[in-house]
Amino acid sequence: MRTSSWSSRRTPRAHRNDIWFSPRPLLPEHQIAFVHPGLEAEFSPQVDDVAARFGLPMPDLTAHTLGRHGAALIAVSRLLGTALRGQGVRPDALAGHSIGEWTAMITAGMCDDAELAEVIAATDLDAIQVPDLVFATVGAPAERIEPLLTGDITLSHDNAPNQCVVCGPADQVRALLDHLLADRVFGQVLPFRSGFHTPRLRPYLDPFRRAVDRMALKPPAVPVWSATAMAPFPATTRCATCTSGTCWSRCGSGG
C-alpha cells in the first residue's frame, strides 16, 4: 500500500482492507494502549526472532487443544509486550478481546507470576471443554437482530453499528442466516466453535473459577479496561457488579 502518499496528504484514510491511517494521534497526549488478541481459528505466530533478539525465553506454542492454544496465546502476547517495554514503549492502558483481557490483567500485575505459573502447571490444559456452538457474523445492527433470535441462539458480540455476532447450535444459526439472506442481510459462519461470551458457557467455568480462587488478585499497576463493564477494572479485587466470585471471571471478557 502506498501509505507514504496517504501521509503526504495529511488527511485520515480508511481502506477497504482494514488499513487505517491518521496523520494525527487518535488519543490525547500521545497515550499508548496495548490491546491483546483473543483466540483465532489459525494460530502460527512467528516470534522466535523476537525472543532471540531480546534474549527472552521462547514460549511453548503447542496449540492442539483449546487450553494449550489459550496458554500459548497469553505467552506470545506477554513476550511481545516485554519486548516493547524493553524498547521503552510502555502502555498507559491495557485491554484485550476475550482471553486477551486475561492477558491484559496478567501484564498489569493483577496476579503474581509465580502463582500464575503454579496454576497453569496444575491445570490439565487438554481437558478444558466448551460448548459445541458456532458463531456467525451478521451485517446488521444488534437491535435489529435480537428480536429475531429464537431457540438457543444468543447475541454474543455487538461489534459495530452495522455488525454483530450471534452464537448457537449450527442448524439454528444456519436457518437464521438463510432467513436474513432472504431479507438481503448478509451473514457468515465463523471458522471456530465455542460458547464464549454467552450464557451457554457458564456450566463450563468452574475449572477457571477454581484456578482463580487459588491466586491473590491485586490492583492493576496500569489501568485495564473491562469489555464487560466498559470501564477500567476497580482498584480492589471485587467491584459493585461482582457480588460473588472474582473480577477475573466476572468483569473479565473471557466468559
C-alpha atoms as a PDB file:
ATOM      1  CA  MET A   1       0.000   0.000   0.000  1.00  0.00           C
ATOM      2  CA  ARG A   2       1.214   3.488  -0.794  1.00  0.00           C
ATOM      3  CA  THR A   3       0.937   4.750   2.744  1.00  0.00           C
ATOM      4  CA  SER A   4       3.546   7.417   2.027  1.00  0.00           C
ATOM      5  CA  SER A   5       1.140   9.110  -0.389  1.00  0.00           C
ATOM      6  CA  TRP A   6      -1.567   8.983   2.288  1.00  0.00           C
ATOM      7  CA  SER A   7       0.702  10.651   4.839  1.00  0.00           C
ATOM      8  CA  SER A   8       1.702  13.356   2.364  1.00  0.00           C
ATOM      9  CA  ARG A   9      -1.961  14.339   2.024  1.00  0.00           C
ATOM     10  CA  ARG A  10      -2.230  14.642   5.813  1.00  0.00           C
ATOM     11  CA  THR A  11      -5.845  13.520   5.765  1.00  0.00           C
ATOM     12  CA  PRO A  12      -7.297  10.461   7.540  1.00  0.00           C
ATOM     13  CA  ARG A  13      -7.979   7.463   5.312  1.00  0.00           C
ATOM     14  CA  ALA A  14      -9.851   4.201   5.857  1.00  0.00           C
ATOM     15  CA  HIS A  15      -9.003   1.499   3.311  1.00  0.00           C
ATOM     16  CA  ARG A  16     -11.472  -1.253   2.496  1.00  0.00           C
ATOM     17  CA  ASN A  17      -8.921  -3.916   3.534  1.00  0.00           C
ATOM     18  CA  ASP A  18      -8.929  -2.631   7.125  1.00  0.00           C
ATOM     19  CA  ILE A  19      -5.834  -0.466   6.659  1.00  0.00           C
ATOM     20  CA  TRP A  20      -6.269   2.772   8.556  1.00  0.00           C
ATOM     21  CA  PHE A  21      -4.212   5.933   8.525  1.00  0.00           C
ATOM     22  CA  SER A  22      -4.392   9.150  10.514  1.00  0.00           C
ATOM     23  CA  PRO A  23      -1.779  11.919  10.367  1.00  0.00           C
ATOM     24  CA  ARG A  24      -2.518  12.823  13.992  1.00  0.00           C
ATOM     25  CA  PRO A  25      -2.635  10.675  17.159  1.00  0.00           C
ATOM     26  CA  LEU A  26      -6.112   9.376  17.909  1.00  0.00           C
ATOM     27  CA  LEU A  27      -5.593   9.695  21.665  1.00  0.00           C
ATOM     28  CA  PRO A  28      -4.674  12.884  23.527  1.00  0.00           C
ATOM     29  CA  GLU A  29      -1.166  13.423  24.812  1.00  0.00           C
ATOM     30  CA  HIS A  30       0.206  10.566  22.722  1.00  0.00           C
ATOM     31  CA  GLN A  31      -1.081   7.871  25.075  1.00  0.00           C
ATOM     32  CA  ILE A  32      -0.450   4.244  24.196  1.00  0.00           C
ATOM     33  CA  ALA A  33      -2.704   1.246  24.765  1.00  0.00           C
ATOM     34  CA  PHE A  34      -1.704  -2.396  24.409  1.00  0.00           C
ATOM     35  CA  VAL A  35      -4.712  -4.372  23.113  1.00  0.00           C
ATOM     36  CA  HIS A  36      -4.256  -8.132  23.366  1.00  0.00           C
ATOM     37  CA  PRO A  37      -5.971 -10.546  20.941  1.00  0.00           C
ATOM     38  CA  GLY A  38      -8.293 -13.419  21.681  1.00  0.00           C
ATOM     39  CA  LEU A  39      -8.343 -16.884  20.148  1.00  0.00           C
ATOM     40  CA  GLU A  40      -8.443 -17.212  16.370  1.00  0.00           C
ATOM     41  CA  ALA A  41      -9.032 -20.200  14.122  1.00  0.00           C
ATOM     42  CA  GLU A  42      -5.432 -20.015  12.892  1.00  0.00           C
ATOM     43  CA  PHE A  43      -2.514 -19.734  15.295  1.00  0.00           C
ATOM     44  CA  SER A  44       1.014 -19.763  13.863  1.00  0.00           C
ATOM     45  CA  PRO A  45       2.932 -16.870  15.462  1.00  0.00           C
ATOM     46  CA  GLN A  46       6.438 -16.118  14.198  1.00  0.00           C
ATOM     47  CA  VAL A  47       8.156 -14.862  17.337  1.00  0.00           C
ATOM     48  CA  ASP A  48      11.388 -16.877  17.540  1.00  0.00           C
ATOM     49  CA  ASP A  49      13.359 -13.961  16.105  1.00  0.00           C
ATOM     50  CA  VAL A  50      11.836 -11.572  18.663  1.00  0.00           C
ATOM     51  CA  ALA A  51      12.760 -13.896  21.519  1.00  0.00           C
ATOM     52  CA  ALA A  52      16.299 -14.281  20.194  1.00  0.00           C
ATOM     53  CA  ARG A  53      16.769 -10.548  19.566  1.00  0.00           C
ATOM     54  CA  PHE A  54      15.793  -9.565  23.105  1.00  0.00           C
ATOM     55  CA  GLY A  55      17.194 -12.585  24.907  1.00  0.00           C
ATOM     56  CA  LEU A  56      13.769 -13.783  26.060  1.00  0.00           C
ATOM     57  CA  PRO A  57      12.689 -17.396  26.529  1.00  0.00           C
ATOM     58  CA  MET A  58      10.761 -18.840  23.601  1.00  0.00           C
ATOM     59  CA  PRO A  59       7.206 -19.689  24.687  1.00  0.00           C
ATOM     60  CA  ASP A  60       5.616 -23.091  24.180  1.00  0.00           C
ATOM     61  CA  LEU A  61       3.491 -22.699  21.034  1.00  0.00           C
ATOM     62  CA  THR A  62       1.710 -26.048  21.353  1.00  0.00           C
ATOM     63  CA  ALA A  63      -1.905 -25.341  20.460  1.00  0.00           C
ATOM     64  CA  HIS A  64      -3.569 -28.652  19.574  1.00  0.00           C
ATOM     65  CA  THR A  65      -6.233 -28.209  22.268  1.00  0.00           C
ATOM     66  CA  LEU A  66      -8.232 -25.196  23.350  1.00  0.00           C
ATOM     67  CA  GLY A  67      -6.459 -24.972  26.709  1.00  0.00           C
ATOM     68  CA  ARG A  68      -2.991 -25.118  25.202  1.00  0.00           C
ATOM     69  CA  HIS A  69      -3.991 -22.660  22.485  1.00  0.00           C
ATOM     70  CA  GLY A  70      -5.078 -20.185  25.163  1.00  0.00           C
ATOM     71  CA  ALA A  71      -1.916 -20.644  27.246  1.00  0.00           C
ATOM     72  CA  ALA A  72       0.268 -20.214  24.147  1.00  0.00           C
ATOM     73  CA  LEU A  73      -1.594 -17.082  23.083  1.00  0.00           C
ATOM     74  CA  ILE A  74      -1.091 -15.498  26.507  1.00  0.00           C
ATOM     75  CA  ALA A  75       2.612 -16.411  26.419  1.00  0.00           C
ATOM     76  CA  VAL A  76       3.085 -14.869  22.957  1.00  0.00           C
ATOM     77  CA  SER A  77       1.303 -11.672  23.957  1.00  0.00           C
ATOM     78  CA  ARG A  78       3.452 -11.397  27.079  1.00  0.00           C
ATOM     79  CA  LEU A  79       6.602 -11.952  25.025  1.00  0.00           C
ATOM     80  CA  LEU A  80       5.736  -9.151  22.611  1.00  0.00           C
ATOM     81  CA  GLY A  81       4.741  -6.841  25.462  1.00  0.00           C
ATOM     82  CA  THR A  82       8.023  -7.484  27.258  1.00  0.00           C
ATOM     83  CA  ALA A  83       9.954  -6.771  24.065  1.00  0.00           C
ATOM     84  CA  LEU A  84       8.150  -3.461  23.573  1.00  0.00           C
ATOM     85  CA  ARG A  85       8.725  -2.410  27.157  1.00  0.00           C
ATOM     86  CA  GLY A  86      12.391  -3.244  26.731  1.00  0.00           C
ATOM     87  CA  GLN A  87      12.496  -0.650  23.972  1.00  0.00           C
ATOM     88  CA  GLY A  88      10.872   1.988  26.144  1.00  0.00           C
ATOM     89  CA  VAL A  89       7.360   1.555  24.708  1.00  0.00           C
ATOM     90  CA  ARG A  90       5.114   1.388  27.753  1.00  0.00           C
ATOM     91  CA  PRO A  91       1.334   1.357  27.774  1.00  0.00           C
ATOM     92  CA  ASP A  92      -0.834   3.921  29.508  1.00  0.00           C
ATOM     93  CA  ALA A  93      -3.754   1.471  29.399  1.00  0.00           C
ATOM     94  CA  LEU A  94      -4.344  -2.212  28.693  1.00  0.00           C
ATOM     95  CA  ALA A  95      -7.270  -4.025  27.120  1.00  0.00           C
ATOM     96  CA  GLY A  96      -7.991  -7.190  25.233  1.00  0.00           C
ATOM     97  CA  HIS A  97     -10.586  -9.278  23.480  1.00  0.00           C
ATOM     98  CA  SER A  98     -11.771 -12.448  25.207  1.00  0.00           C
ATOM     99  CA  ILE A  99      -8.742 -14.260  26.647  1.00  0.00           C
ATOM    100  CA  GLY A 100      -6.733 -11.200  25.627  1.00  0.00           C
ATOM    101  CA  GLU A 101      -8.345  -9.377  28.546  1.00  0.00           C
ATOM    102  CA  TRP A 102      -6.885 -12.013  30.849  1.00  0.00           C
ATOM    103  CA  THR A 103      -3.504 -11.268  29.268  1.00  0.00           C
ATOM    104  CA  ALA A 104      -4.033  -7.578  29.996  1.00  0.00           C
ATOM    105  CA  MET A 105      -4.807  -8.379  33.624  1.00  0.00           C
ATOM    106  CA  ILE A 106      -1.675 -10.525  33.913  1.00  0.00           C
ATOM    107  CA  THR A 107       0.621  -7.931  32.344  1.00  0.00           C
ATOM    108  CA  ALA A 108      -0.891  -5.249  34.600  1.00  0.00           C
ATOM    109  CA  GLY A 109       0.381  -7.193  37.599  1.00  0.00           C
ATOM    110  CA  MET A 110      -3.020  -8.254  38.905  1.00  0.00           C
ATOM    111  CA  CYS A 111      -1.594 -11.659  39.825  1.00  0.00           C
ATOM    112  CA  ASP A 112       1.769 -12.939  40.986  1.00  0.00           C
ATOM    113  CA  ASP A 113       3.860 -14.559  38.242  1.00  0.00           C
ATOM    114  CA  ALA A 114       4.866 -17.461  40.488  1.00  0.00           C
ATOM    115  CA  GLU A 115       1.261 -18.168  41.473  1.00  0.00           C
ATOM    116  CA  LEU A 116       0.159 -17.967  37.850  1.00  0.00           C
ATOM    117  CA  ALA A 117       2.859 -20.432  36.783  1.00  0.00           C
ATOM    118  CA  GLU A 118       1.773 -22.847  39.527  1.00  0.00           C
ATOM    119  CA  VAL A 119      -1.871 -22.631  38.481  1.00  0.00           C
ATOM    120  CA  ILE A 120      -1.075 -23.242  34.815  1.00  0.00           C
ATOM    121  CA  ALA A 121       1.189 -26.163  35.704  1.00  0.00           C
ATOM    122  CA  ALA A 122      -1.545 -27.702  37.854  1.00  0.00           C
ATOM    123  CA  THR A 123      -4.250 -27.265  35.197  1.00  0.00           C
ATOM    124  CA  ASP A 124      -4.988 -30.052  32.718  1.00  0.00           C
ATOM    125  CA  LEU A 125      -4.922 -27.897  29.598  1.00  0.00           C
ATOM    126  CA  ASP A 126      -6.029 -30.819  27.440  1.00  0.00           C
ATOM    127  CA  ALA A 127      -9.215 -31.389  29.461  1.00  0.00           C
ATOM    128  CA  ILE A 128     -10.753 -27.910  29.111  1.00  0.00           C
ATOM    129  CA  GLN A 129     -14.110 -28.144  27.349  1.00  0.00           C
ATOM    130  CA  VAL A 130     -16.552 -25.653  25.851  1.00  0.00           C
ATOM    131  CA  PRO A 131     -19.980 -25.992  24.195  1.00  0.00           C
ATOM    132  CA  ASP A 132     -20.130 -27.187  20.591  1.00  0.00           C
ATOM    133  CA  LEU A 133     -21.666 -23.978  19.265  1.00  0.00           C
ATOM    134  CA  VAL A 134     -20.933 -21.907  16.175  1.00  0.00           C
ATOM    135  CA  PHE A 135     -20.584 -18.164  15.705  1.00  0.00           C
ATOM    136  CA  ALA A 136     -21.809 -16.138  12.749  1.00  0.00           C
ATOM    137  CA  THR A 137     -21.150 -12.525  11.922  1.00  0.00           C
ATOM    138  CA  VAL A 138     -24.145 -10.563  10.646  1.00  0.00           C
ATOM    139  CA  GLY A 139     -24.100  -7.311   8.706  1.00  0.00           C
ATOM    140  CA  ALA A 140     -26.841  -5.566  10.649  1.00  0.00           C
ATOM    141  CA  PRO A 141     -27.281  -3.694  13.954  1.00  0.00           C
ATOM    142  CA  ALA A 142     -27.716  -5.785  17.085  1.00  0.00           C
ATOM    143  CA  GLU A 143     -31.056  -4.132  17.850  1.00  0.00           C
ATOM    144  CA  ARG A 144     -32.397  -5.376  14.516  1.00  0.00           C
ATOM    145  CA  ILE A 145     -31.150  -8.930  15.007  1.00  0.00           C
ATOM    146  CA  GLU A 146     -32.030  -9.547  18.669  1.00  0.00           C
ATOM    147  CA  PRO A 147     -35.828  -9.717  18.079  1.00  0.00           C
ATOM    148  CA  LEU A 148     -35.195 -12.471  15.502  1.00  0.00           C
ATOM    149  CA  LEU A 149     -33.219 -14.722  17.843  1.00  0.00           C
ATOM    150  CA  THR A 150     -35.132 -17.873  18.729  1.00  0.00           C
ATOM    151  CA  GLY A 151     -34.311 -21.256  20.177  1.00  0.00           C
ATOM    152  CA  ASP A 152     -30.812 -21.456  21.627  1.00  0.00           C
ATOM    153  CA  ILE A 153     -29.268 -18.591  19.636  1.00  0.00           C
ATOM    154  CA  THR A 154     -27.894 -15.637  21.582  1.00  0.00           C
ATOM    155  CA  LEU A 155     -26.217 -12.362  20.690  1.00  0.00           C
ATOM    156  CA  SER A 156     -22.557 -12.694  21.664  1.00  0.00           C
ATOM    157  CA  HIS A 157     -20.985  -9.501  20.282  1.00  0.00           C
ATOM    158  CA  ASP A 158     -22.287  -6.047  19.422  1.00  0.00           C
ATOM    159  CA  ASN A 159     -19.240  -5.127  17.351  1.00  0.00           C
ATOM    160  CA  ALA A 160     -20.258  -2.012  15.443  1.00  0.00           C
ATOM    161  CA  PRO A 161     -23.342  -0.014  14.405  1.00  0.00           C
ATOM    162  CA  ASN A 162     -23.879  -2.361  11.460  1.00  0.00           C
ATOM    163  CA  GLN A 163     -22.272  -5.610  12.612  1.00  0.00           C
ATOM    164  CA  CYS A 164     -22.975  -8.112  15.344  1.00  0.00           C
ATOM    165  CA  VAL A 165     -22.192 -11.748  16.103  1.00  0.00           C
ATOM    166  CA  VAL A 166     -24.624 -14.486  17.104  1.00  0.00           C
ATOM    167  CA  CYS A 167     -23.874 -17.858  18.669  1.00  0.00           C
ATOM    168  CA  GLY A 168     -25.843 -21.091  18.859  1.00  0.00           C
ATOM    169  CA  PRO A 169     -26.290 -24.617  17.510  1.00  0.00           C
ATOM    170  CA  ALA A 170     -25.111 -24.942  13.912  1.00  0.00           C
ATOM    171  CA  ASP A 171     -28.509 -25.832  12.428  1.00  0.00           C
ATOM    172  CA  GLN A 172     -30.281 -22.955  14.154  1.00  0.00           C
ATOM    173  CA  VAL A 173     -27.628 -20.420  13.159  1.00  0.00           C
ATOM    174  CA  ARG A 174     -27.736 -21.633   9.564  1.00  0.00           C
ATOM    175  CA  ALA A 175     -31.534 -21.260   9.487  1.00  0.00           C
ATOM    176  CA  LEU A 176     -31.226 -17.721  10.865  1.00  0.00           C
ATOM    177  CA  LEU A 177     -28.688 -16.770   8.200  1.00  0.00           C
ATOM    178  CA  ASP A 178     -30.965 -18.148   5.468  1.00  0.00           C
ATOM    179  CA  HIS A 179     -33.842 -16.092   6.841  1.00  0.00           C
ATOM    180  CA  LEU A 180     -31.710 -12.960   6.934  1.00  0.00           C
ATOM    181  CA  LEU A 181     -30.375 -13.532   3.427  1.00  0.00           C
ATOM    182  CA  ALA A 182     -33.932 -13.593   2.115  1.00  0.00           C
ATOM    183  CA  ASP A 183     -34.208 -10.084   3.572  1.00  0.00           C
ATOM    184  CA  ARG A 184     -30.884  -9.093   1.929  1.00  0.00           C
ATOM    185  CA  VAL A 185     -28.952  -9.165   5.205  1.00  0.00           C
ATOM    186  CA  PHE A 186     -25.667 -10.977   4.781  1.00  0.00           C
ATOM    187  CA  GLY A 187     -24.011 -13.203   7.345  1.00  0.00           C
ATOM    188  CA  GLN A 188     -21.232 -15.771   7.559  1.00  0.00           C
ATOM    189  CA  VAL A 189     -20.425 -18.649   9.894  1.00  0.00           C
ATOM    190  CA  LEU A 190     -17.018 -18.144  11.513  1.00  0.00           C
ATOM    191  CA  PRO A 191     -14.362 -20.894  11.490  1.00  0.00           C
ATOM    192  CA  PHE A 192     -14.326 -21.789  15.202  1.00  0.00           C
ATOM    193  CA  ARG A 193     -16.679 -23.234  17.797  1.00  0.00           C
ATOM    194  CA  SER A 194     -17.308 -22.432  21.463  1.00  0.00           C
ATOM    195  CA  GLY A 195     -19.852 -20.681  23.616  1.00  0.00           C
ATOM    196  CA  PHE A 196     -17.540 -17.868  24.655  1.00  0.00           C
ATOM    197  CA  HIS A 197     -19.301 -14.650  25.683  1.00  0.00           C
ATOM    198  CA  THR A 198     -22.691 -16.331  26.026  1.00  0.00           C
ATOM    199  CA  PRO A 199     -24.714 -17.769  28.936  1.00  0.00           C
ATOM    200  CA  ARG A 200     -24.110 -21.238  27.459  1.00  0.00           C
ATOM    201  CA  LEU A 201     -20.522 -21.106  28.751  1.00  0.00           C
ATOM    202  CA  ARG A 202     -21.494 -20.839  32.424  1.00  0.00           C
ATOM    203  CA  PRO A 203     -21.599 -24.603  33.137  1.00  0.00           C
ATOM    204  CA  TYR A 204     -18.003 -24.859  31.889  1.00  0.00           C
ATOM    205  CA  LEU A 205     -16.500 -22.083  34.026  1.00  0.00           C
ATOM    206  CA  ASP A 206     -15.880 -23.962  37.272  1.00  0.00           C
ATOM    207  CA  PRO A 207     -12.292 -25.007  36.389  1.00  0.00           C
ATOM    208  CA  PHE A 208     -11.433 -21.369  35.684  1.00  0.00           C
ATOM    209  CA  ARG A 209     -13.039 -20.163  38.906  1.00  0.00           C
ATOM    210  CA  ARG A 210     -11.174 -22.765  40.950  1.00  0.00           C
ATOM    211  CA  ALA A 211      -7.903 -21.708  39.343  1.00  0.00           C
ATOM    212  CA  VAL A 212      -8.513 -18.023  40.008  1.00  0.00           C
ATOM    213  CA  ASP A 213      -9.557 -18.669  43.603  1.00  0.00           C
ATOM    214  CA  ARG A 214      -6.053 -20.024  44.217  1.00  0.00           C
ATOM    215  CA  MET A 215      -4.499 -16.667  43.369  1.00  0.00           C
ATOM    216  CA  ALA A 216      -4.475 -13.422  45.309  1.00  0.00           C
ATOM    217  CA  LEU A 217      -5.572 -10.736  42.876  1.00  0.00           C
ATOM    218  CA  LYS A 218      -4.027  -7.284  43.205  1.00  0.00           C
ATOM    219  CA  PRO A 219      -4.981  -3.851  41.883  1.00  0.00           C
ATOM    220  CA  PRO A 220      -3.642  -3.243  38.351  1.00  0.00           C
ATOM    221  CA  ALA A 221      -0.434  -1.258  38.043  1.00  0.00           C
ATOM    222  CA  VAL A 222      -1.713   0.068  34.693  1.00  0.00           C
ATOM    223  CA  PRO A 223      -5.421   0.728  34.018  1.00  0.00           C
ATOM    224  CA  VAL A 224      -7.109  -2.315  32.484  1.00  0.00           C
ATOM    225  CA  TRP A 225     -10.375  -1.804  30.616  1.00  0.00           C
ATOM    226  CA  SER A 226     -13.109  -4.378  31.084  1.00  0.00           C
ATOM    227  CA  ALA A 227     -15.124  -5.239  27.986  1.00  0.00           C
ATOM    228  CA  THR A 228     -17.967  -6.311  30.286  1.00  0.00           C
ATOM    229  CA  ALA A 229     -18.094  -3.217  32.495  1.00  0.00           C
ATOM    230  CA  MET A 230     -16.951  -0.900  29.662  1.00  0.00           C
ATOM    231  CA  ALA A 231     -14.779   0.858  32.218  1.00  0.00           C
ATOM    232  CA  PRO A 232     -11.445   0.311  33.960  1.00  0.00           C
ATOM    233  CA  PHE A 233     -11.194  -2.540  36.435  1.00  0.00           C
ATOM    234  CA  PRO A 234     -11.722  -1.362  40.016  1.00  0.00           C
ATOM    235  CA  ALA A 235      -8.845  -0.699  42.358  1.00  0.00           C
ATOM    236  CA  THR A 236      -9.959  -3.634  44.525  1.00  0.00           C
ATOM    237  CA  THR A 237     -10.286  -7.321  43.693  1.00  0.00           C
ATOM    238  CA  ARG A 238     -14.073  -7.083  43.894  1.00  0.00           C
ATOM    239  CA  CYS A 239     -16.399  -4.491  42.436  1.00  0.00           C
ATOM    240  CA  ALA A 240     -20.045  -3.497  42.679  1.00  0.00           C
ATOM    241  CA  THR A 241     -21.089  -5.841  39.852  1.00  0.00           C
ATOM    242  CA  CYS A 242     -19.138  -8.788  41.294  1.00  0.00           C
ATOM    243  CA  THR A 243     -21.276  -9.807  44.247  1.00  0.00           C
ATOM    244  CA  SER A 244     -19.831 -13.315  44.026  1.00  0.00           C
ATOM    245  CA  GLY A 245     -16.696 -14.786  42.588  1.00  0.00           C
ATOM    246  CA  THR A 246     -13.834 -12.615  41.401  1.00  0.00           C
ATOM    247  CA  CYS A 247     -13.462  -9.838  38.895  1.00  0.00           C
ATOM    248  CA  TRP A 248     -11.271 -12.157  36.835  1.00  0.00           C
ATOM    249  CA  SER A 249     -14.214 -14.337  35.834  1.00  0.00           C
ATOM    250  CA  ARG A 250     -16.968 -11.701  36.028  1.00  0.00           C
ATOM    251  CA  CYS A 251     -15.566  -8.406  34.720  1.00  0.00           C
ATOM    252  CA  GLY A 252     -13.045 -10.208  32.501  1.00  0.00           C
ATOM    253  CA  SER A 253     -14.371 -10.803  28.977  1.00  0.00           C
ATOM    254  CA  GLY A 254     -13.167 -14.386  28.843  1.00  0.00           C
ATOM    255  CA  GLY A 255     -16.572 -15.652  29.885  1.00  0.00           C
END
